[in-house]
Amino acid sequence: MTAHPEPGRPRALLLVALFGLIVPNGLLVYWLAAEFHGLGAILHDTLALAFILDALLALVILSIYFARRPIGRVHWGWFIVCSLVGGLGFSLPFYYWLNLPRTLR
């Protein structure tokens, strides 16, 4: 038996994806515009490197999972594209929403 999302859940997925796209990426865009001082500063920031490596590892693991066990008709490569555009806070709910049957969106 296939589990169907509750009414309103597809809209909630889009709201979470929108939040993930605007808030974290808004901070990133602000940082790039106002506080970025080159890659050297990033490479010397251990905490930043830890977060970058953690996000990259999560992206790789999830991409392999979606490639081996597709959750819908949208190719797993789009998950990577969405992750690069908006981070995991955007790509996970949006990719799940894209793979919902059209009647549930």
Protein backbone atom coordinates (compact mmCIF):
# COMPACT_ATOMS: atom_id res chain seq x y z
CA MET A 1 0.00 0.00 0.00
CA THR A 2 1.38 3.40 -0.99
CA ALA A 3 1.31 6.14 1.62
CA HIS A 4 -0.25 9.36 0.37
CA PRO A 5 0.60 12.69 1.93
CA GLU A 6 -1.97 14.37 4.12
CA PRO A 7 -3.89 17.30 2.62
CA GLY A 8 -1.75 20.42 2.71
CA ARG A 9 1.55 18.56 3.00
CA PRO A 10 2.65 19.33 -0.58
CA ARG A 11 2.13 23.04 0.14
CA ALA A 12 4.11 22.67 3.38
CA LEU A 13 6.96 21.07 1.43
CA LEU A 14 7.06 24.06 -0.90
CA LEU A 15 7.03 26.48 2.05
CA VAL A 16 9.93 24.66 3.71
CA ALA A 17 11.81 24.63 0.39
CA LEU A 18 11.18 28.35 -0.07
CA PHE A 19 12.43 29.06 3.45
CA GLY A 20 15.51 26.90 2.78
CA LEU A 21 16.16 28.80 -0.42
CA ILE A 22 15.67 32.32 0.91
CA VAL A 23 17.01 32.34 4.48
CA PRO A 24 20.29 30.37 4.35
CA ASN A 25 21.05 31.52 0.81
CA GLY A 26 20.18 35.11 1.71
CA LEU A 27 22.83 34.93 4.42
CA LEU A 28 25.28 33.45 1.95
CA VAL A 29 24.61 36.15 -0.65
CA TYR A 30 24.98 38.86 2.00
CA TRP A 31 28.27 37.32 3.17
CA LEU A 32 29.56 37.10 -0.41
CA ALA A 33 28.63 40.72 -1.09
CA ALA A 34 29.76 42.31 2.18
CA GLU A 35 32.20 40.09 4.04
CA PHE A 36 33.97 37.77 1.58
CA HIS A 37 37.73 38.23 1.70
CA GLY A 38 38.94 35.36 -0.47
CA LEU A 39 39.20 31.60 -0.26
CA GLY A 40 42.15 31.76 2.12
CA ALA A 41 39.91 32.87 4.96
CA ILE A 42 37.57 29.93 4.34
CA LEU A 43 40.41 27.41 4.19
CA HIS A 44 41.71 28.63 7.56
CA ASP A 45 38.28 28.48 9.22
CA THR A 46 38.03 24.97 10.68
CA LEU A 47 34.35 25.32 11.56
CA ALA A 48 33.44 26.46 8.03
CA LEU A 49 35.38 23.55 6.53
CA ALA A 50 33.60 21.12 8.86
CA PHE A 51 30.19 22.39 7.73
CA ILE A 52 31.20 22.33 4.07
CA LEU A 53 32.50 18.75 4.31
CA ASP A 54 29.43 17.65 6.26
CA ALA A 55 27.06 19.11 3.65
CA LEU A 56 29.11 17.59 0.83
CA LEU A 57 29.07 14.18 2.49
CA ALA A 58 25.29 14.38 3.00
CA LEU A 59 24.86 15.40 -0.65
CA VAL A 60 26.95 12.46 -1.89
CA ILE A 61 25.18 9.91 0.34
CA LEU A 62 21.70 11.15 -0.57
CA SER A 63 22.57 11.30 -4.28
CA ILE A 64 23.78 7.71 -4.25
CA TYR A 65 20.63 6.67 -2.38
CA PHE A 66 18.32 8.46 -4.83
CA ALA A 67 20.25 7.01 -7.79
CA ARG A 68 19.87 3.45 -6.48
CA ARG A 69 16.36 3.80 -5.09
CA PRO A 70 14.45 6.48 -7.01
CA ILE A 71 11.61 8.07 -5.07
CA GLY A 72 9.75 9.12 -8.20
CA ARG A 73 10.03 9.95 -11.86
CA VAL A 74 12.37 12.97 -11.52
CA HIS A 75 16.00 11.94 -12.11
CA TRP A 76 18.37 12.09 -9.13
CA GLY A 77 20.63 14.49 -11.02
CA TRP A 78 18.05 17.21 -10.41
CA PHE A 79 18.55 16.69 -6.68
CA ILE A 80 22.22 17.60 -7.14
CA VAL A 81 21.32 20.66 -9.23
CA CYS A 82 18.82 21.83 -6.60
CA SER A 83 21.38 21.25 -3.85
CA LEU A 84 23.98 23.36 -5.62
CA VAL A 85 21.43 26.12 -6.24
CA GLY A 86 19.85 26.23 -2.81
CA GLY A 87 21.50 23.84 -0.37
CA LEU A 88 20.01 20.80 1.30
CA GLY A 89 17.39 22.85 3.15
CA PHE A 90 15.92 23.67 -0.24
CA SER A 91 16.70 20.58 -2.29
CA LEU A 92 15.33 17.88 0.00
CA PRO A 93 11.76 19.19 0.33
CA PHE A 94 11.67 20.46 -3.26
CA TYR A 95 12.97 17.19 -4.75
CA TYR A 96 10.44 15.25 -2.69
CA TRP A 97 7.68 17.61 -3.88
CA LEU A 98 8.78 17.20 -7.51
CA ASN A 99 8.44 13.44 -7.16
CA LEU A 100 4.91 13.52 -5.78
CA PRO A 101 2.26 12.38 -8.23
CA ARG A 102 0.83 15.38 -10.10
CA THR A 103 -2.58 14.77 -8.57
CA LEU A 104 -1.17 15.38 -5.09
CA ARG A 105 0.75 18.58 -5.85
